[in-house]
C-alpha atoms as a PDB file:
ATOM      1  CA  MET A   1      70.461 -59.561  21.797  1.00  0.00           C
ATOM      2  CA  GLY A   2      69.352 -60.740  18.381  1.00  0.00           C
ATOM      3  CA  ALA A   3      71.137 -57.793  16.925  1.00  0.00           C
ATOM      4  CA  GLY A   4      73.236 -59.107  13.655  1.00  0.00           C
ATOM      5  CA  ASP A   5      71.593 -62.595  13.567  1.00  0.00           C
ATOM      6  CA  VAL A   6      67.680 -62.271  13.133  1.00  0.00           C
ATOM      7  CA  ALA A   7      68.475 -59.760   9.944  1.00  0.00           C
ATOM      8  CA  PRO A   8      65.937 -59.995   7.575  1.00  0.00           C
ATOM      9  CA  ASN A   9      63.628 -60.865  10.231  1.00  0.00           C
ATOM     10  CA  PRO A  10      62.533 -58.344  13.285  1.00  0.00           C
ATOM     11  CA  MET A  11      64.589 -58.742  16.763  1.00  0.00           C
ATOM     12  CA  VAL A  12      61.811 -59.627  18.788  1.00  0.00           C
ATOM     13  CA  GLY A  13      61.435 -60.430  22.736  1.00  0.00           C
ATOM     14  CA  ALA A  14      58.387 -62.292  24.824  1.00  0.00           C
ATOM     15  CA  VAL A  15      57.808 -62.362  28.133  1.00  0.00           C
ATOM     16  CA  LEU A  16      54.870 -64.689  29.855  1.00  0.00           C
ATOM     17  CA  VAL A  17      53.550 -63.704  32.992  1.00  0.00           C
ATOM     18  CA  TYR A  18      51.627 -65.180  35.833  1.00  0.00           C
ATOM     19  CA  GLN A  19      50.183 -62.839  38.299  1.00  0.00           C
ATOM     20  CA  ASN A  20      53.052 -60.419  38.040  1.00  0.00           C
ATOM     21  CA  LYS A  21      55.678 -62.944  38.216  1.00  0.00           C
ATOM     22  CA  ILE A  22      57.698 -63.676  34.741  1.00  0.00           C
ATOM     23  CA  ILE A  23      57.404 -67.576  34.125  1.00  0.00           C
ATOM     24  CA  GLY A  24      58.859 -67.912  30.884  1.00  0.00           C
ATOM     25  CA  GLU A  25      60.753 -65.444  28.947  1.00  0.00           C
ATOM     26  CA  GLY A  26      62.799 -65.424  25.230  1.00  0.00           C
ATOM     27  CA  TYR A  27      63.888 -63.833  21.992  1.00  0.00           C
ATOM     28  CA  HIS A  28      64.202 -64.586  18.532  1.00  0.00           C
ATOM     29  CA  GLN A  29      68.136 -65.920  18.637  1.00  0.00           C
ATOM     30  CA  LYS A  30      68.723 -66.525  14.747  1.00  0.00           C
ATOM     31  CA  TYR A  31      67.374 -66.157  11.526  1.00  0.00           C
ATOM     32  CA  GLY A  32      65.374 -69.533  10.562  1.00  0.00           C
ATOM     33  CA  GLU A  33      65.369 -70.941  14.047  1.00  0.00           C
ATOM     34  CA  ALA A  34      62.117 -70.696  17.079  1.00  0.00           C
ATOM     35  CA  HIS A  35      60.730 -67.349  17.479  1.00  0.00           C
ATOM     36  CA  ALA A  36      60.715 -65.140  20.758  1.00  0.00           C
ATOM     37  CA  GLU A  37      57.114 -66.746  21.690  1.00  0.00           C
ATOM     38  CA  VAL A  38      58.688 -70.440  20.691  1.00  0.00           C
ATOM     39  CA  ASN A  39      61.143 -69.986  23.267  1.00  0.00           C
ATOM     40  CA  CYS A  40      59.381 -68.055  25.583  1.00  0.00           C
ATOM     41  CA  ILE A  41      57.188 -70.860  26.531  1.00  0.00           C
ATOM     42  CA  ASN A  42      59.895 -73.426  25.844  1.00  0.00           C
ATOM     43  CA  ASN A  43      61.096 -71.762  29.039  1.00  0.00           C
ATOM     44  CA  VAL A  44      58.796 -71.892  31.347  1.00  0.00           C
ATOM     45  CA  ASP A  45      59.747 -74.766  33.990  1.00  0.00           C
ATOM     46  CA  LYS A  46      57.914 -77.664  33.975  1.00  0.00           C
ATOM     47  CA  LYS A  47      56.294 -77.363  37.389  1.00  0.00           C
ATOM     48  CA  ALA A  48      54.761 -74.206  35.663  1.00  0.00           C
ATOM     49  CA  LYS A  49      53.819 -75.374  32.942  1.00  0.00           C
ATOM     50  CA  SER A  50      49.770 -75.508  34.026  1.00  0.00           C
ATOM     51  CA  LEU A  51      50.404 -72.203  34.584  1.00  0.00           C
ATOM     52  CA  ILE A  52      50.294 -71.113  31.064  1.00  0.00           C
ATOM     53  CA  LYS A  53      47.290 -70.782  29.835  1.00  0.00           C
ATOM     54  CA  LYS A  54      46.470 -68.928  33.253  1.00  0.00           C
ATOM     55  CA  SER A  55      49.196 -66.411  32.482  1.00  0.00           C
ATOM     56  CA  THR A  56      49.522 -62.918  29.680  1.00  0.00           C
ATOM     57  CA  ILE A  57      52.029 -63.004  27.113  1.00  0.00           C
ATOM     58  CA  TYR A  58      53.701 -59.776  26.680  1.00  0.00           C
ATOM     59  CA  VAL A  59      55.565 -59.458  23.217  1.00  0.00           C
ATOM     60  CA  SER A  60      57.313 -56.440  21.016  1.00  0.00           C
ATOM     61  CA  LEU A  61      56.050 -57.274  17.899  1.00  0.00           C
ATOM     62  CA  GLU A  62      52.844 -58.841  16.487  1.00  0.00           C
ATOM     63  CA  PRO A  63      52.756 -62.742  16.653  1.00  0.00           C
ATOM     64  CA  CYS A  64      53.288 -64.172  12.801  1.00  0.00           C
ATOM     65  CA  ALA A  65      50.171 -65.992  11.191  1.00  0.00           C
ATOM     66  CA  HIS A  66      52.132 -67.568   8.440  1.00  0.00           C
ATOM     67  CA  HIS A  67      54.359 -70.076   7.679  1.00  0.00           C
ATOM     68  CA  GLY A  68      57.937 -69.258   6.863  1.00  0.00           C
ATOM     69  CA  LYS A  69      60.697 -70.783   8.226  1.00  0.00           C
ATOM     70  CA  THR A  70      58.931 -71.262  11.231  1.00  0.00           C
ATOM     71  CA  PRO A  71      55.151 -71.857  12.423  1.00  0.00           C
ATOM     72  CA  PRO A  72      52.479 -69.515  12.871  1.00  0.00           C
ATOM     73  CA  CYS A  73      53.340 -67.808  16.490  1.00  0.00           C
ATOM     74  CA  ALA A  74      49.402 -66.885  16.934  1.00  0.00           C
ATOM     75  CA  ASP A  75      48.446 -70.524  16.326  1.00  0.00           C
ATOM     76  CA  LEU A  76      51.314 -71.429  19.021  1.00  0.00           C
ATOM     77  CA  ILE A  77      49.764 -69.006  21.687  1.00  0.00           C
ATOM     78  CA  ILE A  78      46.462 -70.370  20.691  1.00  0.00           C
ATOM     79  CA  LYS A  79      47.150 -73.753  21.143  1.00  0.00           C
ATOM     80  CA  ASN A  80      48.732 -73.241  24.661  1.00  0.00           C
ATOM     81  CA  LYS A  81      45.195 -71.785  25.637  1.00  0.00           C
ATOM     82  CA  ILE A  82      46.956 -68.210  26.573  1.00  0.00           C
ATOM     83  CA  LYS A  83      43.912 -65.610  26.873  1.00  0.00           C
ATOM     84  CA  LYS A  84      46.020 -62.239  26.966  1.00  0.00           C
ATOM     85  CA  VAL A  85      48.481 -60.831  24.580  1.00  0.00           C
ATOM     86  CA  VAL A  86      50.087 -57.438  24.969  1.00  0.00           C
ATOM     87  CA  ILE A  87      51.514 -56.320  21.847  1.00  0.00           C
ATOM     88  CA  GLY A  88      54.285 -53.488  21.343  1.00  0.00           C
ATOM     89  CA  CYS A  89      53.393 -52.981  18.048  1.00  0.00           C
ATOM     90  CA  GLN A  90      52.148 -54.142  14.650  1.00  0.00           C
ATOM     91  CA  ASP A  91      54.098 -55.904  12.135  1.00  0.00           C
ATOM     92  CA  ILE A  92      54.110 -54.372   8.942  1.00  0.00           C
ATOM     93  CA  TYR A  93      55.450 -57.127   6.534  1.00  0.00           C
ATOM     94  CA  LYS A  94      52.427 -58.187   4.637  1.00  0.00           C
ATOM     95  CA  GLU A  95      52.736 -61.668   5.348  1.00  0.00           C
ATOM     96  CA  VAL A  96      51.279 -60.481   8.662  1.00  0.00           C
ATOM     97  CA  ALA A  97      50.337 -56.718   8.687  1.00  0.00           C
ATOM     98  CA  GLY A  98      47.245 -57.435  11.120  1.00  0.00           C
ATOM     99  CA  LYS A  99      46.735 -60.833  10.735  1.00  0.00           C
ATOM    100  CA  GLY A 100      48.497 -62.300  13.527  1.00  0.00           C
ATOM    101  CA  ILE A 101      46.251 -59.860  15.936  1.00  0.00           C
ATOM    102  CA  GLU A 102      43.179 -61.032  14.018  1.00  0.00           C
ATOM    103  CA  LYS A 103      43.874 -64.468  14.236  1.00  0.00           C
ATOM    104  CA  LEU A 104      44.073 -64.215  18.308  1.00  0.00           C
ATOM    105  CA  GLN A 105      41.014 -61.754  18.599  1.00  0.00           C
ATOM    106  CA  ASN A 106      39.198 -64.488  16.251  1.00  0.00           C
ATOM    107  CA  ALA A 107      40.310 -67.156  19.036  1.00  0.00           C
ATOM    108  CA  ASP A 108      38.465 -65.076  21.151  1.00  0.00           C
ATOM    109  CA  VAL A 109      41.861 -63.898  22.981  1.00  0.00           C
ATOM    110  CA  LYS A 110      42.263 -60.322  24.303  1.00  0.00           C
ATOM    111  CA  VAL A 111      44.780 -58.738  22.758  1.00  0.00           C
ATOM    112  CA  ILE A 112      46.066 -55.129  23.645  1.00  0.00           C
ATOM    113  CA  THR A 113      48.465 -53.108  21.417  1.00  0.00           C
ATOM    114  CA  GLY A 114      50.485 -49.981  21.240  1.00  0.00           C
ATOM    115  CA  VAL A 115      52.365 -50.828  24.858  1.00  0.00           C
ATOM    116  CA  LEU A 116      55.817 -49.033  24.824  1.00  0.00           C
ATOM    117  CA  GLU A 117      54.303 -48.626  20.559  1.00  0.00           C
ATOM    118  CA  LYS A 118      57.980 -46.132  20.054  1.00  0.00           C
ATOM    119  CA  GLU A 119      60.744 -47.773  21.753  1.00  0.00           C
ATOM    120  CA  CYS A 120      59.307 -51.111  20.189  1.00  0.00           C
ATOM    121  CA  LYS A 121      59.396 -49.328  16.752  1.00  0.00           C
ATOM    122  CA  GLU A 122      62.855 -47.856  17.469  1.00  0.00           C
ATOM    123  CA  LEU A 123      64.241 -51.382  18.298  1.00  0.00           C
ATOM    124  CA  ASN A 124      63.273 -52.243  14.996  1.00  0.00           C
ATOM    125  CA  LYS A 125      64.097 -49.431  12.922  1.00  0.00           C
ATOM    126  CA  ARG A 126      66.239 -51.310  10.449  1.00  0.00           C
ATOM    127  CA  PHE A 127      62.917 -53.689   9.845  1.00  0.00           C
ATOM    128  CA  PHE A 128      60.741 -50.915   9.236  1.00  0.00           C
ATOM    129  CA  THR A 129      62.413 -48.573   7.273  1.00  0.00           C
ATOM    130  CA  PHE A 130      63.252 -51.689   4.849  1.00  0.00           C
ATOM    131  CA  HIS A 131      59.946 -52.545   4.552  1.00  0.00           C
ATOM    132  CA  GLN A 132      58.492 -49.293   4.541  1.00  0.00           C
ATOM    133  CA  LYS A 133      61.013 -47.320   2.134  1.00  0.00           C
ATOM    134  CA  GLN A 134      61.994 -50.208   0.416  1.00  0.00           C
ATOM    135  CA  ARG A 135      65.664 -50.032   0.762  1.00  0.00           C
ATOM    136  CA  PRO A 136      68.154 -50.768   3.733  1.00  0.00           C
ATOM    137  CA  TYR A 137      68.579 -48.541   6.643  1.00  0.00           C
ATOM    138  CA  ILE A 138      71.676 -46.586   6.303  1.00  0.00           C
ATOM    139  CA  ILE A 139      74.283 -45.829   9.267  1.00  0.00           C
ATOM    140  CA  LEU A 140      77.170 -43.510   8.553  1.00  0.00           C
ATOM    141  CA  LYS A 141      80.087 -43.672  10.651  1.00  0.00           C
ATOM    142  CA  TRP A 142      83.202 -41.593   9.926  1.00  0.00           C
ATOM    143  CA  ALA A 143      86.706 -40.894  12.689  1.00  0.00           C
ATOM    144  CA  GLN A 144      87.375 -37.027  13.050  1.00  0.00           C
ATOM    145  CA  SER A 145      90.287 -35.188  13.881  1.00  0.00           C
ATOM    146  CA  ILE A 146      89.253 -32.156  16.599  1.00  0.00           C
ATOM    147  CA  ASN A 147      89.779 -29.871  13.848  1.00  0.00           C
ATOM    148  CA  GLY A 148      87.154 -31.667  11.951  1.00  0.00           C
ATOM    149  CA  LYS A 149      89.503 -33.606   9.331  1.00  0.00           C
ATOM    150  CA  ILE A 150      88.705 -37.291   8.122  1.00  0.00           C
ATOM    151  CA  GLY A 151      92.099 -38.231   6.862  1.00  0.00           C
ATOM    152  CA  ALA A 152      95.560 -36.743   5.021  1.00  0.00           C
ATOM    153  CA  ASN A 153      95.380 -35.758   2.300  1.00  0.00           C
ATOM    154  CA  ASP A 154      98.705 -37.703   1.085  1.00  0.00           C
ATOM    155  CA  ASN A 155      98.074 -41.467   1.054  1.00  0.00           C
ATOM    156  CA  GLU A 156      99.555 -42.182   4.378  1.00  0.00           C
ATOM    157  CA  ARG A 157      97.001 -43.623   6.977  1.00  0.00           C
ATOM    158  CA  ILE A 158      96.020 -42.182  10.358  1.00  0.00           C
ATOM    159  CA  LEU A 159      94.365 -43.814  12.792  1.00  0.00           C
ATOM    160  CA  ILE A 160      92.582 -41.256  14.657  1.00  0.00           C
ATOM    161  CA  SER A 161      89.144 -43.337  17.016  1.00  0.00           C
ATOM    162  CA  ASN A 162      91.534 -45.256  19.780  1.00  0.00           C
ATOM    163  CA  ASP A 163      91.708 -48.476  20.475  1.00  0.00           C
ATOM    164  CA  TYR A 164      88.597 -48.865  22.532  1.00  0.00           C
ATOM    165  CA  SER A 165      86.235 -47.260  20.403  1.00  0.00           C
ATOM    166  CA  ASN A 166      87.855 -49.532  17.435  1.00  0.00           C
ATOM    167  CA  ARG A 167      86.492 -52.306  18.914  1.00  0.00           C
ATOM    168  CA  VAL A 168      83.058 -50.556  19.281  1.00  0.00           C
ATOM    169  CA  VAL A 169      82.880 -50.063  15.571  1.00  0.00           C
ATOM    170  CA  HIS A 170      83.114 -53.619  15.122  1.00  0.00           C
ATOM    171  CA  LYS A 171      80.975 -54.608  17.580  1.00  0.00           C
ATOM    172  CA  TRP A 172      78.568 -51.951  15.561  1.00  0.00           C
ATOM    173  CA  ARG A 173      79.505 -53.925  12.254  1.00  0.00           C
ATOM    174  CA  SER A 174      78.866 -57.171  13.538  1.00  0.00           C
ATOM    175  CA  GLU A 175      75.222 -55.591  14.123  1.00  0.00           C
ATOM    176  CA  GLU A 176      74.736 -54.595  10.547  1.00  0.00           C
ATOM    177  CA  SER A 177      73.681 -56.593   7.057  1.00  0.00           C
ATOM    178  CA  ALA A 178      76.328 -55.009   5.429  1.00  0.00           C
ATOM    179  CA  ILE A 179      79.172 -52.573   5.156  1.00  0.00           C
ATOM    180  CA  LEU A 180      80.389 -50.169   2.357  1.00  0.00           C
ATOM    181  CA  VAL A 181      82.973 -48.170   1.518  1.00  0.00           C
ATOM    182  CA  GLY A 182      84.126 -46.368  -1.594  1.00  0.00           C
ATOM    183  CA  THR A 183      86.795 -46.662  -4.213  1.00  0.00           C
ATOM    184  CA  ASN A 184      89.313 -44.105  -2.750  1.00  0.00           C
ATOM    185  CA  THR A 185      89.166 -45.943   0.817  1.00  0.00           C
ATOM    186  CA  GLY A 186      89.536 -49.706  -0.854  1.00  0.00           C
ATOM    187  CA  LEU A 187      92.933 -48.374  -2.586  1.00  0.00           C
ATOM    188  CA  LYS A 188      94.044 -46.212   0.241  1.00  0.00           C
ATOM    189  CA  ASP A 189      93.108 -48.084   3.432  1.00  0.00           C
ATOM    190  CA  ASN A 190      93.255 -51.538   1.498  1.00  0.00           C
ATOM    191  CA  PRO A 191      90.517 -52.544   4.797  1.00  0.00           C
ATOM    192  CA  SER A 192      89.166 -56.210   5.825  1.00  0.00           C
ATOM    193  CA  LEU A 193      86.017 -54.605   6.949  1.00  0.00           C
ATOM    194  CA  THR A 194      85.617 -57.097   9.025  1.00  0.00           C
ATOM    195  CA  THR A 195      84.491 -58.127  12.820  1.00  0.00           C
ATOM    196  CA  ARG A 196      87.998 -59.595  13.755  1.00  0.00           C
ATOM    197  CA  PHE A 197      87.651 -56.899  17.158  1.00  0.00           C
ATOM    198  CA  TRP A 198      84.218 -58.489  18.100  1.00  0.00           C
ATOM    199  CA  LYS A 199      82.940 -61.749  18.537  1.00  0.00           C
ATOM    200  CA  GLY A 200      79.925 -61.847  15.614  1.00  0.00           C
ATOM    201  CA  ASN A 201      79.006 -62.179  12.279  1.00  0.00           C
ATOM    202  CA  ASN A 202      80.973 -60.372   9.177  1.00  0.00           C
ATOM    203  CA  PRO A 203      78.720 -58.204   7.112  1.00  0.00           C
ATOM    204  CA  VAL A 204      78.564 -58.380   3.608  1.00  0.00           C
ATOM    205  CA  ARG A 205      81.329 -55.961   2.168  1.00  0.00           C
ATOM    206  CA  ILE A 206      79.735 -53.705  -0.064  1.00  0.00           C
ATOM    207  CA  VAL A 207      81.701 -51.324  -2.227  1.00  0.00           C
ATOM    208  CA  ILE A 208      81.539 -48.797  -4.938  1.00  0.00           C
ATOM    209  CA  ASP A 209      83.913 -49.410  -7.412  1.00  0.00           C
ATOM    210  CA  LYS A 210      82.429 -47.513 -10.797  1.00  0.00           C
ATOM    211  CA  GLU A 211      85.683 -48.242 -13.084  1.00  0.00           C
ATOM    212  CA  LEU A 212      86.542 -51.565 -11.426  1.00  0.00           C
ATOM    213  CA  LYS A 213      90.034 -49.811 -10.280  1.00  0.00           C
ATOM    214  CA  LEU A 214      90.793 -52.263  -7.228  1.00  0.00           C
ATOM    215  CA  PRO A 215      93.182 -55.359  -7.444  1.00  0.00           C
ATOM    216  CA  SER A 216      92.406 -58.409  -7.065  1.00  0.00           C
ATOM    217  CA  SER A 217      94.681 -58.885  -4.489  1.00  0.00           C
ATOM    218  CA  ALA A 218      92.760 -56.329  -2.491  1.00  0.00           C
ATOM    219  CA  LYS A 219      91.929 -57.229   1.313  1.00  0.00           C
ATOM    220  CA  LEU A 220      87.626 -57.177   0.167  1.00  0.00           C
ATOM    221  CA  PHE A 221      87.577 -59.556  -2.096  1.00  0.00           C
ATOM    222  CA  SER A 222      89.283 -62.022   0.742  1.00  0.00           C
ATOM    223  CA  LYS A 223      87.139 -65.031   1.516  1.00  0.00           C
ATOM    224  CA  GLU A 224      86.201 -63.826   5.044  1.00  0.00           C
ATOM    225  CA  ALA A 225      82.973 -62.399   3.904  1.00  0.00           C
ATOM    226  CA  ASN A 226      81.018 -61.988   0.543  1.00  0.00           C
ATOM    227  CA  THR A 227      81.645 -59.137  -1.191  1.00  0.00           C
ATOM    228  CA  VAL A 228      79.224 -56.911  -3.931  1.00  0.00           C
ATOM    229  CA  ILE A 229      80.773 -54.431  -6.271  1.00  0.00           C
ATOM    230  CA  PHE A 230      78.567 -51.925  -7.362  1.00  0.00           C
ATOM    231  CA  ASN A 231      80.151 -50.804 -11.071  1.00  0.00           C
ATOM    232  CA  LEU A 232      79.463 -49.406 -14.529  1.00  0.00           C
ATOM    233  CA  VAL A 233      81.221 -51.746 -16.551  1.00  0.00           C
ATOM    234  CA  LYS A 234      79.642 -55.553 -15.989  1.00  0.00           C
ATOM    235  CA  ASN A 235      77.045 -58.167 -14.093  1.00  0.00           C
ATOM    236  CA  ALA A 236      78.911 -61.186 -12.830  1.00  0.00           C
ATOM    237  CA  VAL A 237      79.577 -63.712  -9.833  1.00  0.00           C
ATOM    238  CA  GLU A 238      82.692 -64.385  -8.775  1.00  0.00           C
ATOM    239  CA  GLY A 239      83.456 -66.991  -6.442  1.00  0.00           C
ATOM    240  CA  ASN A 240      82.256 -64.867  -2.973  1.00  0.00           C
ATOM    241  CA  ILE A 241      82.304 -61.614  -4.841  1.00  0.00           C
ATOM    242  CA  ARG A 242      79.038 -60.718  -6.934  1.00  0.00           C
ATOM    243  CA  PHE A 243      79.409 -57.333  -9.591  1.00  0.00           C
ATOM    244  CA  ILE A 244      76.378 -55.375 -10.432  1.00  0.00           C
ATOM    245  CA  LYS A 245      76.298 -52.969 -12.666  1.00  0.00           C
ATOM    246  CA  VAL A 246      74.107 -50.116 -12.262  1.00  0.00           C
ATOM    247  CA  GLU A 247      73.223 -46.682 -14.786  1.00  0.00           C
ATOM    248  CA  LYS A 248      75.120 -43.491 -13.681  1.00  0.00           C
ATOM    249  CA  ASP A 249      71.922 -41.864 -13.448  1.00  0.00           C
ATOM    250  CA  ASN A 250      70.227 -42.267 -10.066  1.00  0.00           C
ATOM    251  CA  PHE A 251      73.266 -44.314  -9.362  1.00  0.00           C
ATOM    252  CA  PHE A 252      72.912 -44.336  -5.386  1.00  0.00           C
ATOM    253  CA  GLN A 253      68.988 -44.888  -6.016  1.00  0.00           C
ATOM    254  CA  GLU A 254      69.443 -47.987  -8.084  1.00  0.00           C
ATOM    255  CA  MET A 255      72.068 -49.427  -5.628  1.00  0.00           C
ATOM    256  CA  LEU A 256      69.861 -49.407  -2.590  1.00  0.00           C
ATOM    257  CA  LEU A 257      66.745 -51.000  -4.521  1.00  0.00           C
ATOM    258  CA  SER A 258      69.242 -53.505  -5.804  1.00  0.00           C
ATOM    259  CA  LEU A 259      70.170 -54.442  -2.022  1.00  0.00           C
ATOM    260  CA  TYR A 260      66.856 -54.188  -0.828  1.00  0.00           C
ATOM    261  CA  LYS A 261      66.266 -57.162  -3.763  1.00  0.00           C
ATOM    262  CA  LEU A 262      69.286 -58.917  -2.229  1.00  0.00           C
ATOM    263  CA  ASN A 263      67.774 -58.773   1.484  1.00  0.00           C
ATOM    264  CA  ILE A 264      70.192 -56.516   2.840  1.00  0.00           C
ATOM    265  CA  GLN A 265      68.480 -54.921   5.521  1.00  0.00           C
ATOM    266  CA  SER A 266      71.171 -52.331   6.746  1.00  0.00           C
ATOM    267  CA  VAL A 267      74.298 -50.430   5.647  1.00  0.00           C
ATOM    268  CA  LEU A 268      76.908 -49.193   7.324  1.00  0.00           C
ATOM    269  CA  VAL A 269      78.917 -46.443   5.377  1.00  0.00           C
ATOM    270  CA  GLU A 270      82.328 -46.287   6.535  1.00  0.00           C
ATOM    271  CA  GLY A 271      83.927 -44.210   4.057  1.00  0.00           C
ATOM    272  CA  GLY A 272      85.471 -42.281   2.344  1.00  0.00           C
ATOM    273  CA  ALA A 273      84.825 -38.577   2.499  1.00  0.00           C
ATOM    274  CA  LYS A 274      83.286 -38.422  -1.132  1.00  0.00           C
ATOM    275  CA  THR A 275      80.700 -41.762  -0.323  1.00  0.00           C
ATOM    276  CA  LEU A 276      79.826 -39.820   2.805  1.00  0.00           C
ATOM    277  CA  GLN A 277      79.126 -36.690   1.271  1.00  0.00           C
ATOM    278  CA  SER A 278      77.249 -38.440  -1.693  1.00  0.00           C
ATOM    279  CA  PHE A 279      74.732 -40.216   0.593  1.00  0.00           C
ATOM    280  CA  ILE A 280      73.911 -36.912   2.838  1.00  0.00           C
ATOM    281  CA  ASP A 281      73.474 -34.849  -0.492  1.00  0.00           C
ATOM    282  CA  SER A 282      71.291 -37.339  -1.957  1.00  0.00           C
ATOM    283  CA  GLY A 283      69.294 -37.367   1.417  1.00  0.00           C
ATOM    284  CA  LEU A 284      69.731 -41.244   1.443  1.00  0.00           C
ATOM    285  CA  TRP A 285      70.812 -41.891   5.228  1.00  0.00           C
ATOM    286  CA  ASP A 286      69.042 -42.828   8.646  1.00  0.00           C
ATOM    287  CA  GLU A 287      71.540 -42.015  11.149  1.00  0.00           C
ATOM    288  CA  ALA A 288      75.060 -40.772  11.510  1.00  0.00           C
ATOM    289  CA  ARG A 289      78.026 -41.908  14.397  1.00  0.00           C
ATOM    290  CA  VAL A 290      80.861 -39.270  14.740  1.00  0.00           C
ATOM    291  CA  ILE A 291      83.655 -40.326  16.502  1.00  0.00           C
ATOM    292  CA  THR A 292      85.895 -37.273  17.579  1.00  0.00           C
ATOM    293  CA  ASN A 293      89.495 -37.616  18.852  1.00  0.00           C
ATOM    294  CA  GLN A 294      90.105 -34.619  21.363  1.00  0.00           C
ATOM    295  CA  ASN A 295      93.864 -34.863  21.144  1.00  0.00           C
ATOM    296  CA  VAL A 296      94.212 -35.252  17.604  1.00  0.00           C
ATOM    297  CA  VAL A 297      94.742 -32.866  15.168  1.00  0.00           C
ATOM    298  CA  ILE A 298      95.331 -33.085  11.108  1.00  0.00           C
ATOM    299  CA  GLU A 299      96.737 -29.941   9.482  1.00  0.00           C
ATOM    300  CA  ASN A 300      96.163 -30.145   5.677  1.00  0.00           C
ATOM    301  CA  GLY A 301      93.658 -32.744   6.058  1.00  0.00           C
ATOM    302  CA  THR A 302      90.560 -34.260   3.911  1.00  0.00           C
ATOM    303  CA  ALA A 303      87.601 -32.173   5.614  1.00  0.00           C
ATOM    304  CA  ALA A 304      84.850 -34.560   7.548  1.00  0.00           C
ATOM    305  CA  PRO A 305      81.717 -34.798   5.645  1.00  0.00           C
ATOM    306  CA  ASP A 306      79.176 -31.850   5.856  1.00  0.00           C
ATOM    307  CA  MET A 307      75.939 -33.030   7.595  1.00  0.00           C
ATOM    308  CA  LYS A 308      72.980 -31.346   6.591  1.00  0.00           C
ATOM    309  CA  LYS A 309      69.155 -31.098   8.260  1.00  0.00           C
ATOM    310  CA  PHE A 310      70.076 -33.418  11.023  1.00  0.00           C
ATOM    311  CA  SER A 311      69.225 -33.703  15.146  1.00  0.00           C
ATOM    312  CA  TRP A 312      71.195 -34.682  17.668  1.00  0.00           C
ATOM    313  CA  SER A 313      70.659 -38.055  19.191  1.00  0.00           C
ATOM    314  CA  LYS A 314      73.197 -38.718  22.075  1.00  0.00           C
ATOM    315  CA  HIS A 315      76.549 -38.650  23.101  1.00  0.00           C
ATOM    316  CA  GLU A 316      79.344 -40.821  24.960  1.00  0.00           C
ATOM    317  CA  THR A 317      82.588 -40.569  25.731  1.00  0.00           C
ATOM    318  CA  ILE A 318      85.169 -43.257  25.246  1.00  0.00           C
ATOM    319  CA  PHE A 319      88.637 -41.894  26.796  1.00  0.00           C
ATOM    320  CA  ASP A 320      89.693 -39.127  24.466  1.00  0.00           C
ATOM    321  CA  ASP A 321      87.536 -40.030  21.816  1.00  0.00           C
ATOM    322  CA  SER A 322      83.641 -38.365  21.726  1.00  0.00           C
ATOM    323  CA  ILE A 323      80.873 -40.026  20.199  1.00  0.00           C
ATOM    324  CA  SER A 324      78.167 -37.997  18.645  1.00  0.00           C
ATOM    325  CA  TYR A 325      74.838 -39.704  17.355  1.00  0.00           C
ATOM    326  CA  TYR A 326      72.896 -37.622  14.391  1.00  0.00           C
ATOM    327  CA  GLU A 327      69.179 -38.914  13.152  1.00  0.00           C
ATOM    328  CA  ASN A 328      68.155 -37.578   9.463  1.00  0.00           C
ATOM    329  CA  CYS A 329      65.605 -35.144  10.348  1.00  0.00           C
ATOM    330  CA  ILE A 330      63.943 -35.432   6.899  1.00  0.00           C
ATOM    331  CA  GLN A 331      63.731 -39.497   7.337  1.00  0.00           C
ATOM    332  CA  GLN A 332      62.729 -39.149  10.577  1.00  0.00           C
ATOM    333  CA  ASN A 333      59.888 -36.380   9.444  1.00  0.00           C
ATOM    334  CA  ASN A 334      58.873 -38.639   7.176  1.00  0.00           C
ATOM    335  CA  LYS A 335      58.289 -41.911   9.214  1.00  0.00           C
END
């Protein structure tokens, strides 16, 4: 429920249980605001406040032990005299990383860890990838025709996915920190890259425009969202647009390191074919979402990216669109 609103913090949920009955629940709703444990305890009805110290709190991620935007949640648990804490997985952020568990145990709180650990890590795959690999979590996305074409060879724009899938894509955008396209997509499609079809935050727009070919009139430069342009020419800040110069060699690695330094936790790569293929060839991707319209055929079109070393994750159908989800085998093995 916190997707798109709490990054670069992790998504965390908590429930307070007394004799197999939930008396309080909460989740981290927005970056800089109260954490899950705070909202959970505050959610307890006044009549049940006396039961808090007799209850067990279940939390999907280790309670924090440091002063950040908010006070330490481990201190809050101790203050409320909760004697048992069940934790899904340990935090890897250097300011926490076991310190929350240690603080609780030193206060004579019984701590159980590793409950539904795999699921809890999956929930925060962006957060874990960001801190472990010092780069954003990379999601590739494209729509293709039934014969494997991503677009026409001429400048005509073809809408492949249906209206319902388009709304799903805008939901995806709202859940990520940033969205990325290359020069050709910016020139050919002139996209806005906003979440106009879904209620949610607009992601930061990332553009690979090495030679700065995009015109200033491009929708990517609108004030609806901030834009970062990775290029070979200049470093500059012009209003809501940041230009970041990177070296031609190791372009992608340098770009991802810059995004890490900008605290961009996840990136949805939407095109075009050349940009998507570059991510695939470099191995710098974590997940791919491919929409295939079963009723669209594009003759003499641009071929969809060629996937390498992937595993199928799941599949869903939205009318004439099928959506396949894949994971990068190499990245999965390196977790």
